[in-house]
Amino acid sequence: MVERDSSSFLEPNVYLFGQFVIERGKMTAFVLQLEVYEDDVWYPIIRYDTSHGEAHIDYINPGGREYHKVWLGVNAPFDDIYITALEDIKLSYRAHIARWHRQKGRRR
C-alpha cells in the first residue's frame, strides 16, 4: 500500500488537500477537500472521498458540518473518478467558495 499526497494551493488562501492510496497498482481510496483560509482558520468547503467504500461528495457548511451528500454511483475505477473530481474542483472552486460565503452570511 502506497499513500500519495496531491495537495496544492489554487490561490494563496485556497487549498486543495488531496490524498490517495494505491494497492497493487490500483487506486483503492481517495480524498479531495477544498479549503479556504479565513480569520486565521482553514475551513473545509467541499470534499470528494471514498470513506464509505463508494465515491461521493460531501458539501460542508461554515460550521464545519456536512449538510448534503451526493453519491456518485459511478461504475468506474477510483482513479478515473479522482481525476474527474480534481478537474471539477479546479474549474468550480470559486463557485463553491461563493456558496459557502452566502451560507456564512457574507458575500464576496
Protein backbone atom coordinates (compact mmCIF):
# COMPACT_ATOMS: atom_id res chain seq x y z
CA MET A 1 0.00 0.00 0.00
CA VAL A 2 1.34 3.38 -1.02
CA GLU A 3 -0.19 6.65 0.13
CA ARG A 4 0.32 9.66 -2.11
CA ASP A 5 -0.27 13.35 -1.48
CA SER A 6 -1.53 15.54 -4.29
CA SER A 7 -2.27 18.69 -2.27
CA SER A 8 -1.75 22.15 -3.78
CA PHE A 9 -2.69 25.80 -3.43
CA LEU A 10 -5.19 27.05 -6.02
CA GLU A 11 -4.83 30.61 -4.71
CA PRO A 12 -2.92 31.95 -1.68
CA ASN A 13 -5.87 31.30 0.69
CA VAL A 14 -7.42 28.38 -1.19
CA TYR A 15 -6.01 24.89 -0.66
CA LEU A 16 -6.87 21.62 -2.31
CA PHE A 17 -5.99 18.77 0.02
CA GLY A 18 -5.62 15.51 -1.83
CA GLN A 19 -4.52 12.02 -0.85
CA PHE A 20 -4.97 8.63 -2.39
CA VAL A 21 -3.96 5.04 -1.74
CA ILE A 22 -2.52 2.70 -4.37
CA GLU A 23 -2.54 -1.06 -3.78
CA ARG A 24 -1.17 -3.44 -6.39
CA GLY A 25 -1.26 -0.67 -8.98
CA LYS A 26 -4.89 0.22 -8.33
CA MET A 27 -6.34 3.25 -6.50
CA THR A 28 -8.34 1.88 -3.57
CA ALA A 29 -9.26 5.09 -1.73
CA PHE A 30 -9.01 8.85 -2.09
CA VAL A 31 -9.99 12.18 -0.59
CA LEU A 32 -10.01 15.62 -2.22
CA GLN A 33 -11.03 18.51 0.03
CA LEU A 34 -11.31 22.18 -0.93
CA GLU A 35 -10.39 24.50 1.95
CA VAL A 36 -10.39 28.28 2.36
CA TYR A 37 -8.27 30.25 4.86
CA GLU A 38 -10.16 32.98 6.62
CA ASP A 39 -9.87 34.61 10.05
CA ASP A 40 -6.72 32.53 10.78
CA VAL A 41 -8.60 29.24 10.26
CA TRP A 42 -8.71 26.72 7.40
CA TYR A 43 -12.34 25.83 6.63
CA PRO A 44 -13.43 22.82 4.55
CA ILE A 45 -15.87 23.69 1.76
CA ILE A 46 -16.45 20.50 -0.25
CA ARG A 47 -14.97 17.02 -0.15
CA TYR A 48 -14.90 14.15 -2.64
CA ASP A 49 -13.99 10.87 -0.99
CA THR A 50 -14.45 7.12 -0.77
CA SER A 51 -14.77 6.79 3.01
CA HIS A 52 -17.88 4.58 2.78
CA GLY A 53 -16.42 2.37 0.06
CA GLU A 54 -18.21 4.36 -2.66
CA ALA A 55 -17.23 7.67 -4.24
CA HIS A 56 -19.33 10.61 -3.06
CA ILE A 57 -19.33 14.36 -2.48
CA ASP A 58 -19.81 15.98 0.93
CA TYR A 59 -20.95 19.61 0.96
CA ILE A 60 -19.78 21.30 4.17
CA ASN A 61 -21.33 24.36 5.80
CA PRO A 62 -19.43 27.21 7.54
CA GLY A 63 -19.93 25.41 10.87
CA GLY A 64 -17.87 22.52 9.52
CA ARG A 65 -20.79 20.11 9.22
CA GLU A 66 -21.72 18.07 6.22
CA TYR A 67 -25.19 19.15 5.13
CA HIS A 68 -25.53 17.31 1.83
CA LYS A 69 -24.06 14.07 0.48
CA VAL A 70 -24.18 13.14 -3.19
CA TRP A 71 -23.45 9.51 -4.02
CA LEU A 72 -21.72 9.45 -7.37
CA GLY A 73 -22.90 5.95 -8.21
CA VAL A 74 -20.31 5.75 -10.94
CA ASN A 75 -19.22 2.32 -12.02
CA ALA A 76 -15.67 3.42 -12.80
CA PRO A 77 -12.26 2.90 -11.22
CA PHE A 78 -11.47 5.29 -8.36
CA ASP A 79 -8.55 6.78 -10.30
CA ASP A 80 -10.90 7.89 -13.09
CA ILE A 81 -13.33 9.38 -10.56
CA TYR A 82 -10.43 11.08 -8.76
CA ILE A 83 -9.24 12.75 -11.98
CA THR A 84 -12.77 13.92 -12.79
CA ALA A 85 -13.23 15.26 -9.24
CA LEU A 86 -9.88 17.05 -9.38
CA GLU A 87 -10.82 18.73 -12.67
CA ASP A 88 -14.27 19.66 -11.30
CA ILE A 89 -12.85 21.32 -8.19
CA LYS A 90 -10.23 23.23 -10.17
CA LEU A 91 -12.91 24.55 -12.55
CA SER A 92 -15.60 25.34 -9.97
CA TYR A 93 -13.81 26.15 -6.70
CA ARG A 94 -14.76 29.84 -6.84
CA ALA A 95 -18.47 28.92 -7.08
CA HIS A 96 -18.13 26.54 -4.10
CA ILE A 97 -16.44 29.26 -2.05
CA ALA A 98 -19.14 31.78 -3.04
CA ARG A 99 -21.83 29.30 -1.90
CA TRP A 100 -20.03 28.85 1.41
CA HIS A 101 -19.81 32.64 1.89
CA ARG A 102 -23.53 33.00 1.17
CA GLN A 103 -24.22 30.38 3.82
CA LYS A 104 -21.97 32.25 6.19
CA GLY A 105 -23.91 35.46 5.52
CA ARG A 106 -21.05 37.18 3.75
CA ARG A 107 -20.92 37.95 0.07
CA ARG A 108 -17.64 38.00 -1.81
